[in-house]
Protein backbone atom coordinates (compact mmCIF):
# COMPACT_ATOMS: atom_id res chain seq x y z
CA MET A 1 -9.84 47.63 -23.64
CA THR A 2 -11.51 44.33 -24.14
CA ALA A 3 -10.94 41.53 -21.54
CA GLU A 4 -9.40 38.46 -22.66
CA MET A 5 -11.88 35.62 -22.49
CA LEU A 6 -11.17 31.84 -22.25
CA ALA A 7 -13.57 29.44 -23.86
CA GLY A 8 -16.13 32.14 -24.07
CA ARG A 9 -16.52 32.04 -20.16
CA TYR A 10 -13.57 33.14 -18.04
CA GLU A 11 -12.43 36.51 -18.03
CA LEU A 12 -8.66 37.16 -17.47
CA ARG A 13 -7.35 39.73 -15.39
CA GLY A 14 -4.38 40.53 -13.55
CA LEU A 15 -1.32 38.19 -12.86
CA LEU A 16 -1.27 36.28 -9.46
CA GLY A 17 1.93 34.31 -9.90
CA ARG A 18 4.37 32.53 -12.25
CA GLY A 19 5.82 29.12 -12.13
CA GLY A 20 8.34 26.83 -14.25
CA MET A 21 5.91 26.01 -16.95
CA ALA A 22 2.58 28.05 -16.32
CA GLU A 23 1.37 31.25 -15.16
CA VAL A 24 -1.69 31.88 -12.71
CA ARG A 25 -4.00 34.75 -13.40
CA ASP A 26 -6.97 36.25 -11.58
CA GLY A 27 -10.17 35.39 -13.43
CA TRP A 28 -13.82 35.74 -13.51
CA ASP A 29 -16.51 33.24 -14.14
CA THR A 30 -18.96 35.06 -16.18
CA ARG A 31 -21.45 32.17 -16.08
CA LEU A 32 -21.52 31.64 -12.17
CA ASP A 33 -20.51 35.04 -11.30
CA ARG A 34 -17.37 34.23 -9.12
CA SER A 35 -14.11 34.91 -8.81
CA VAL A 36 -11.55 32.15 -10.05
CA ALA A 37 -7.88 31.48 -10.57
CA VAL A 38 -6.81 30.47 -13.84
CA LYS A 39 -3.54 28.60 -14.43
CA LEU A 40 -2.28 28.74 -18.27
CA LEU A 41 0.67 26.63 -19.73
CA TYR A 42 3.12 29.13 -21.39
CA PRO A 43 2.85 28.97 -25.07
CA SER A 44 6.53 27.87 -25.45
CA GLN A 45 5.57 24.79 -23.35
CA SER A 46 2.35 23.79 -25.30
CA SER A 47 3.90 22.40 -28.18
CA ASP A 48 5.88 19.76 -25.73
CA ASP A 49 3.86 16.75 -25.37
CA SER A 50 5.36 15.53 -22.38
CA VAL A 51 4.82 18.95 -20.46
CA ARG A 52 1.13 19.07 -21.76
CA ARG A 53 0.70 15.46 -20.21
CA ARG A 54 1.97 16.62 -17.03
CA PHE A 55 -0.40 19.53 -17.23
CA GLU A 56 -3.41 17.22 -17.63
CA ASP A 57 -2.16 14.94 -15.03
CA GLU A 58 -2.31 17.85 -12.75
CA ALA A 59 -5.78 18.64 -13.39
CA ARG A 60 -6.96 15.21 -13.18
CA SER A 61 -4.79 14.46 -9.73
CA ALA A 62 -6.25 17.78 -8.17
CA ALA A 63 -9.80 17.11 -9.37
CA ARG A 64 -10.18 13.87 -7.54
CA LEU A 65 -9.14 15.17 -4.39
CA SER A 66 -12.20 16.78 -2.38
CA HIS A 67 -11.00 18.15 1.04
CA PRO A 68 -11.61 21.43 2.66
CA ASN A 69 -7.71 21.67 3.14
CA ILE A 70 -7.12 21.24 -0.79
CA VAL A 71 -7.56 24.01 -3.27
CA ALA A 72 -10.70 22.79 -5.48
CA ILE A 73 -10.45 22.39 -9.39
CA HIS A 74 -13.55 23.81 -11.39
CA ASP A 75 -12.61 23.20 -14.71
CA PHE A 76 -10.14 22.22 -17.31
CA GLY A 77 -9.98 23.17 -21.15
CA GLU A 78 -7.85 24.45 -23.89
CA HIS A 79 -7.95 27.78 -25.61
CA ASP A 80 -5.79 28.51 -28.72
CA SER A 81 -4.35 25.14 -28.63
CA ALA A 82 -3.09 26.40 -24.96
CA PRO A 83 -4.52 23.97 -21.95
CA PHE A 84 -5.76 25.91 -18.83
CA ILE A 85 -7.05 24.90 -15.33
CA VAL A 86 -9.79 26.83 -13.37
CA MET A 87 -9.31 26.68 -9.60
CA GLU A 88 -10.83 28.30 -6.40
CA ARG A 89 -9.67 31.64 -5.80
CA LEU A 90 -8.45 32.56 -2.62
CA PRO A 91 -7.28 35.95 -1.25
CA GLY A 92 -3.72 35.36 -2.43
CA ARG A 93 -2.07 35.45 0.89
CA THR A 94 0.29 32.44 1.81
CA LEU A 95 2.13 30.97 4.49
CA ALA A 96 5.43 32.57 3.05
CA ASP A 97 3.84 35.94 3.51
CA VAL A 98 3.31 35.05 7.23
CA ILE A 99 6.58 33.82 8.03
CA GLU A 100 8.16 37.09 6.39
CA GLN A 101 6.77 38.89 9.32
CA GLY A 102 8.78 36.83 11.87
CA PRO A 103 8.26 33.74 14.01
CA MET A 104 4.94 32.32 14.27
CA PRO A 105 3.43 31.42 17.64
CA ALA A 106 3.62 27.54 18.23
CA PRO A 107 -0.32 26.92 18.54
CA GLN A 108 -0.33 28.28 14.90
CA VAL A 109 2.36 26.35 13.41
CA ARG A 110 0.92 23.37 14.90
CA ARG A 111 -2.62 24.18 13.53
CA VAL A 112 -1.17 24.87 10.00
CA LEU A 113 0.73 21.55 10.07
CA ASP A 114 -2.06 19.55 11.19
CA GLU A 115 -4.33 21.10 8.16
CA VAL A 116 -1.60 20.54 5.72
CA LEU A 117 -1.08 16.94 7.00
CA ALA A 118 -5.04 16.42 6.79
CA ALA A 119 -4.62 17.40 2.96
CA LEU A 120 -1.73 15.14 2.52
CA SER A 121 -3.48 12.11 4.16
CA VAL A 122 -6.05 12.40 1.26
CA ALA A 123 -3.75 12.89 -1.34
CA HIS A 124 -1.48 10.03 -0.56
CA ALA A 125 -4.51 7.47 -0.08
CA ALA A 126 -5.38 8.60 -3.38
CA GLY A 127 -1.95 7.59 -4.76
CA VAL A 128 -0.92 11.31 -5.33
CA LEU A 129 2.29 12.76 -4.24
CA HIS A 130 2.57 16.59 -3.87
CA ARG A 131 6.22 16.87 -4.36
CA ASP A 132 6.44 20.65 -3.94
CA ILE A 133 5.15 21.18 -0.30
CA LYS A 134 6.45 24.61 0.61
CA PRO A 135 5.19 27.97 2.41
CA ALA A 136 4.47 29.46 -1.12
CA ASN A 137 1.87 26.65 -1.93
CA ILE A 138 -0.16 26.90 1.23
CA LEU A 139 -2.99 29.66 0.79
CA LEU A 140 -4.78 31.27 3.70
CA THR A 141 -8.58 31.44 3.41
CA THR A 142 -10.42 34.81 3.42
CA ALA A 143 -11.05 34.59 7.23
CA GLY A 144 -7.39 33.29 8.01
CA ASP A 145 -8.29 30.69 10.08
CA SER A 146 -7.58 27.88 7.93
CA VAL A 147 -5.07 26.96 4.97
CA LYS A 148 -5.43 25.05 1.50
CA VAL A 149 -2.79 23.33 -0.24
CA ALA A 150 -2.36 24.56 -3.71
CA ASP A 151 -0.35 23.91 -6.96
CA PHE A 152 -0.27 20.22 -7.63
CA GLY A 153 1.62 21.18 -10.69
CA ILE A 154 4.43 18.67 -10.24
CA ALA A 155 2.39 16.34 -8.42
CA LYS A 156 2.79 12.68 -9.47
CA SER A 157 0.15 9.84 -9.51
CA ALA A 158 0.41 6.24 -10.76
CA GLY A 159 1.44 6.21 -14.20
CA ALA A 160 2.45 9.95 -14.55
CA ALA A 161 5.63 11.13 -15.79
CA HIS A 162 8.26 12.50 -13.58
CA THR A 163 8.88 16.23 -13.57
CA ALA A 164 11.94 17.47 -15.03
CA THR A 165 14.66 18.49 -12.60
CA GLY A 166 15.21 22.12 -13.86
CA GLN A 167 11.69 22.83 -12.90
CA ILE A 168 12.11 22.10 -9.31
CA VAL A 169 15.20 23.78 -8.71
CA GLY A 170 13.45 26.84 -7.29
CA THR A 171 12.28 24.82 -4.39
CA LEU A 172 15.56 23.16 -3.56
CA CYS A 173 15.75 23.96 0.15
CA TYR A 174 12.48 21.79 0.75
CA LEU A 175 13.49 18.76 -0.80
CA SER A 176 14.93 15.78 1.15
CA PRO A 177 18.60 14.66 1.03
CA GLU A 178 17.55 11.28 -1.09
CA ARG A 179 15.42 13.40 -3.64
CA VAL A 180 18.52 16.09 -4.26
CA MET A 181 20.62 13.00 -4.99
CA GLY A 182 18.13 11.74 -7.62
CA ALA A 183 15.99 9.37 -5.85
CA PRO A 184 12.19 8.97 -6.94
CA ALA A 185 9.82 10.86 -4.91
CA SER A 186 8.07 9.01 -1.93
CA VAL A 187 5.61 9.77 1.08
CA ALA A 188 8.49 10.35 3.33
CA ASP A 189 9.53 13.52 0.92
CA ASP A 190 6.28 15.12 1.30
CA LEU A 191 6.56 14.66 4.99
CA TYR A 192 10.06 15.71 5.22
CA ALA A 193 9.05 19.02 3.50
CA VAL A 194 6.14 19.71 6.27
CA GLY A 195 8.88 19.36 8.72
CA VAL A 196 11.27 21.92 7.13
CA MET A 197 8.17 24.03 6.68
CA GLY A 198 7.50 24.00 10.63
CA TYR A 199 11.12 24.44 11.14
CA GLU A 200 10.92 27.86 9.18
CA ALA A 201 7.65 28.92 10.67
CA LEU A 202 9.03 28.53 14.36
CA LEU A 203 12.18 30.26 13.53
CA GLY A 204 11.17 32.93 11.09
CA ARG A 205 13.85 31.97 8.76
CA ARG A 206 14.76 29.21 6.37
CA ALA A 207 16.39 25.81 7.72
CA PHE A 208 18.91 26.23 4.60
CA PRO A 209 19.75 29.86 3.83
CA GLN A 210 22.26 29.19 1.18
CA ASP A 211 21.35 31.01 -2.18
CA ASN A 212 23.80 29.14 -4.46
CA PRO A 213 22.09 25.93 -5.70
CA ALA A 214 25.30 23.96 -5.50
CA ALA A 215 25.89 25.02 -2.01
CA LEU A 216 22.52 24.32 -0.97
CA ALA A 217 22.43 21.15 -2.37
CA ARG A 218 25.55 20.16 -0.37
CA ALA A 219 24.25 21.63 2.74
CA ILE A 220 21.14 19.43 2.46
CA ILE A 221 23.23 16.43 1.90
CA ASP A 222 26.15 16.81 4.36
CA VAL A 223 25.29 19.79 6.61
CA PRO A 224 21.67 19.36 7.99
CA PRO A 225 20.44 22.22 10.48
CA PRO A 226 20.60 21.94 14.07
CA PRO A 227 17.61 20.14 15.32
CA LEU A 228 15.07 22.51 17.21
CA ARG A 229 15.81 20.80 20.71
CA ALA A 230 19.44 22.00 20.26
CA LEU A 231 18.35 25.47 19.80
CA SER A 232 16.33 25.87 22.90
CA VAL A 233 13.15 26.98 21.16
CA THR A 234 10.38 27.77 23.57
CA ALA A 235 7.70 25.52 22.00
CA ASP A 236 5.65 22.75 22.96
CA PRO A 237 8.00 19.73 23.34
CA ALA A 238 6.02 17.53 21.10
CA LEU A 239 5.77 19.85 18.28
CA VAL A 240 9.41 20.24 18.48
CA ALA A 241 10.02 16.35 18.60
CA VAL A 242 7.68 16.04 15.49
CA ILE A 243 9.41 18.59 13.55
CA ASP A 244 13.01 17.15 14.28
CA ARG A 245 11.79 13.50 13.44
CA ALA A 246 10.36 14.76 10.12
CA MET A 247 13.53 16.33 9.17
CA SER A 248 15.68 13.31 10.06
CA ARG A 249 18.31 12.71 7.21
CA ASP A 250 17.38 8.76 7.05
CA PRO A 251 14.05 8.50 5.85
CA ARG A 252 13.64 5.11 7.96
CA LEU A 253 13.49 7.34 10.92
CA ARG A 254 10.83 9.73 9.70
CA PHE A 255 7.15 9.12 9.93
CA GLY A 256 5.77 6.43 7.80
CA SER A 257 2.32 8.33 6.86
CA ALA A 258 0.59 11.45 6.99
CA PRO A 259 -1.81 10.26 9.55
CA GLN A 260 1.04 9.05 11.93
CA MET A 261 2.76 12.25 11.92
CA ARG A 262 -0.50 14.13 12.35
CA ALA A 263 -1.39 11.69 15.49
CA ALA A 264 1.79 12.55 16.98
CA LEU A 265 1.42 16.21 16.44
CA ALA A 266 -1.68 15.78 18.38
CA GLY A 267 0.32 14.43 21.38
CA ASP A 268 -0.04 10.77 20.81
CA PRO A 269 3.23 9.35 22.34
CA LEU A 270 2.78 5.91 20.38
CA ALA A 271 2.66 7.49 17.18
CA LEU A 272 5.85 9.89 18.14
CA ASN A 273 8.00 7.00 19.54
CA ASN A 274 7.02 4.19 17.06
CA ALA A 275 9.98 4.29 15.01
CA PRO A 276 10.07 1.58 12.19
CA PRO A 277 12.55 -1.23 12.97
CA PRO A 278 15.76 -1.18 11.00
CA VAL A 279 16.17 -3.52 8.26
CA PRO A 280 18.85 -6.23 9.10
CA PRO A 281 21.60 -6.83 6.38
CA PRO A 282 21.27 -10.26 4.54
CA ARG A 283 23.39 -13.13 5.84
CA ALA A 284 26.26 -14.46 3.97
CA GLY A 285 25.15 -16.56 1.24
CA THR A 286 21.54 -15.34 1.12
CA ARG A 287 20.16 -14.59 -2.16
CA VAL A 288 18.37 -11.17 -2.06
CA LEU A 289 15.35 -10.88 -4.80
CA ALA A 290 15.03 -7.60 -6.35
CA HIS A 291 11.36 -7.82 -6.16
CA PRO A 292 9.85 -9.55 -3.07
CA LEU A 293 7.46 -12.21 -3.67
CA PRO A 294 3.96 -11.73 -2.91
CA PRO A 295 2.53 -13.52 0.15
CA SER A 296 0.24 -16.44 -0.47
CA ALA A 297 -3.40 -15.99 -0.62
CA GLY A 298 -4.81 -15.86 2.82
CA PHE A 299 -1.59 -15.62 4.49
CA THR A 300 -0.67 -12.43 6.58
CA SER A 301 2.61 -11.98 8.99
CA ALA A 302 2.52 -10.10 12.09
CA PRO A 303 4.92 -7.12 12.39
CA VAL A 304 8.19 -7.47 14.29
CA GLY A 305 7.73 -6.50 17.82
CA TYR A 306 4.03 -7.02 17.67
CA PRO A 307 1.92 -9.95 19.41
CA THR A 308 0.16 -12.10 17.37
CA ALA A 309 -3.43 -12.31 17.29
CA ALA A 310 -5.24 -15.05 19.27
CA PRO A 311 -6.61 -18.11 17.42
CA PRO A 312 -10.36 -17.72 16.69
CA PRO A 313 -12.51 -19.80 19.16
CA PRO A 314 -13.78 -23.22 17.72
CA THR A 315 -17.18 -23.15 16.10
CA ARG A 316 -20.21 -25.39 17.53
CA ALA A 317 -19.72 -27.91 14.95
CA ARG A 318 -16.25 -28.36 15.70
CA MET A 319 -17.07 -28.63 19.27
CA TYR A 320 -19.51 -31.21 18.73
CA LEU A 321 -17.13 -33.22 16.86
CA MET A 322 -14.50 -32.93 19.48
CA ALA A 323 -17.08 -34.13 22.07
CA VAL A 324 -18.11 -37.18 19.92
CA ALA A 325 -14.69 -38.15 19.27
CA ALA A 326 -14.18 -38.21 23.12
CA VAL A 327 -17.17 -40.20 23.92
CA LEU A 328 -16.13 -42.91 21.46
CA ALA A 329 -12.66 -43.13 22.59
CA PHE A 330 -13.94 -43.48 26.28
CA THR A 331 -16.35 -46.16 25.16
CA VAL A 332 -13.63 -48.28 23.26
CA ALA A 333 -11.56 -48.28 26.43
CA ALA A 334 -14.34 -49.20 28.72
CA LEU A 335 -15.00 -52.24 26.36
CA ALA A 336 -11.72 -53.43 26.43
CA LEU A 337 -11.19 -53.11 30.15
CA ALA A 338 -14.52 -55.10 30.61
CA LEU A 339 -13.63 -58.05 28.17
CA ASP A 340 -10.20 -58.56 29.89
CA PRO A 341 -9.78 -56.80 33.05
CA PHE A 342 -6.53 -58.49 34.04
CA SER A 343 -4.75 -58.09 30.66
CA SER A 344 -1.56 -55.85 30.37
CA PRO A 345 0.71 -55.53 27.59
CA PRO A 346 3.56 -58.14 27.52
CA PRO A 347 6.91 -56.64 28.36
CA MET A 348 9.11 -55.88 25.59
CA GLN A 349 11.43 -58.99 24.52
CA THR A 350 14.82 -58.51 23.05
CA VAL A 351 15.30 -60.75 20.25
CA GLY A 352 18.75 -61.67 18.95
CA THR A 353 19.61 -62.23 15.16
CA SER A 354 20.60 -65.72 15.82
CA THR A 355 17.49 -67.17 16.92
CA THR A 356 14.78 -68.78 14.86
CA ALA A 357 11.94 -67.88 17.17
CA PRO A 358 11.09 -65.82 20.18
CA PRO A 359 11.31 -67.39 23.41
CA PRO A 360 7.87 -68.27 25.12
CA PRO A 361 6.70 -65.82 27.72
CA THR A 362 8.04 -65.81 31.09
CA SER A 363 4.74 -65.47 32.99
CA VAL A 364 1.66 -67.57 32.14
CA PRO A 365 -1.92 -66.59 33.57
CA PRO A 366 -3.24 -68.79 36.25
CA PRO A 367 -5.27 -71.75 34.99
CA THR A 368 -9.03 -71.49 35.39
CA SER A 369 -9.35 -75.28 36.14
CA ALA A 370 -7.56 -78.06 37.70
CA ALA A 371 -6.55 -79.89 34.32
CA PRO A 372 -3.03 -80.58 34.29
CA LEU A 373 -0.65 -78.12 32.49
CA PRO A 374 0.30 -79.12 29.14
CA PRO A 375 3.59 -80.60 28.41
CA PRO A 376 6.43 -77.91 27.82
CA ILE A 377 7.22 -77.03 24.31
CA VAL A 378 10.44 -78.84 23.24
CA PRO A 379 12.57 -77.24 20.66
CA VAL A 380 12.75 -79.22 17.63
CA THR A 381 16.67 -79.68 16.66
CA GLN A 382 17.96 -80.65 13.41
CA ALA A 383 19.07 -84.41 13.13
CA PRO A 384 22.72 -84.90 12.82
CA PRO A 385 24.03 -85.83 9.17
CA PRO A 386 24.15 -89.68 8.62
CA ASP A 387 27.58 -91.68 9.40
CA ASN A 388 28.66 -93.84 6.62
CA GLY A 389 31.21 -95.30 8.30
CA PRO A 390 31.79 -99.08 9.89
CA LYS A 391 29.46 -99.95 12.79
CA LYS A 392 30.78 -101.33 16.16
CA GLY A 393 28.26 -104.22 16.18
CA PRO A 394 26.15 -106.59 14.04
CA ASP A 395 22.60 -104.88 13.30
CA LYS A 396 19.72 -106.99 14.27
CA LYS A 397 16.98 -108.09 11.59
CA GLY A 398 14.85 -105.56 10.73
CA GLU A 399 16.69 -102.71 12.82
CA LYS A 400 17.20 -99.70 11.05
CA GLY A 401 20.58 -97.91 10.74
CA ASN A 402 21.35 -94.30 11.75
CA ASN A 403 20.04 -93.40 8.24
CA GLY A 404 16.28 -94.28 9.31
CA ARG A 405 16.28 -97.10 6.48
CA GLY A 406 16.48 -100.87 6.72
CA ASN A 407 20.33 -101.86 6.28
CA GLY A 408 19.31 -104.87 4.10
CA ASN A 409 21.60 -107.29 5.55
CA LYS A 410 20.59 -111.29 5.80
CA PRO A 411 21.20 -113.38 8.59
CA ASP A 412 24.18 -115.99 8.53
């Protein structure tokens, strides 16, 4: 029987697994003589343009992620109008196979979670969310001392389309409560799935054992499993605390990033206890923007609860200008004191609104010579109005009247 060939290069062999929109076949690269895994889109899905775009997005998203804990992508092509992805071939043993044998030792669980978080750190930094973290997608290497994250089939990157809900029902038990209720995927959802996976690995059983999808969804939303610390699990307290926090129902109480969760797993108390501050509700009458305004250029704000950075030290030019300004101010003050050493600012005087001129100063500086003092200033008063009435005595010749003019009377 002639083996099926793809693109004249890849020989297809046995079936490794099936998914919602594709199957994975064991393959052989006849050009490089190595084992590969070939992911083929189902013929019934190949005619759907949206499914084909998601399949291509998977190839592009996974191909740009290069990390020892991520399954490598070797090639992407199309055969008989059906796209395919050629991936790194691993033995086929998954973390799910290990958990089926019973609870895993705490050190092994810690190592597996650490390597998964290392892979997610790279993916999240590249803007890729896996959205399907589960034990079946964690593949063991040939030696069994390391794991690799596989199946970015429903991964989402910037600009990629969302995956249909029906294609992720099979992994419902690893979805966060907000994802079950229809919220868009986020970094917190991948980290929640890592916590659920660690919970299952330590206990050797699923965190949500319900088989009915409706009952399972209700349990995820309303009836979370008891935390590990309440089950008296004999494991490292730090490991237990990390898993319990990752599985918090409130996404704000989970870890903010994969590196933070990885640091907490390594025993960093700051990363474990550094919970994000709760968002205060808006005050009455406050207008809340649907999209917050971007900060101004060159403006940064310090996080709540963290000390602000000290201002930068002054430059040499600024220090020189400050010194010159201080010398000039000192010189001006010295000259003023030398010109009039006895001068002092006059006291403040209260001036009424009815006065026409301010009163003279009360203190006069001492005279410098024996010259007589000048006469005091006599305020000028307005002359009284003229009196045109009869006068009591005859005016003399040439004598002026009260109006300041000659009276013009002749002598008798």
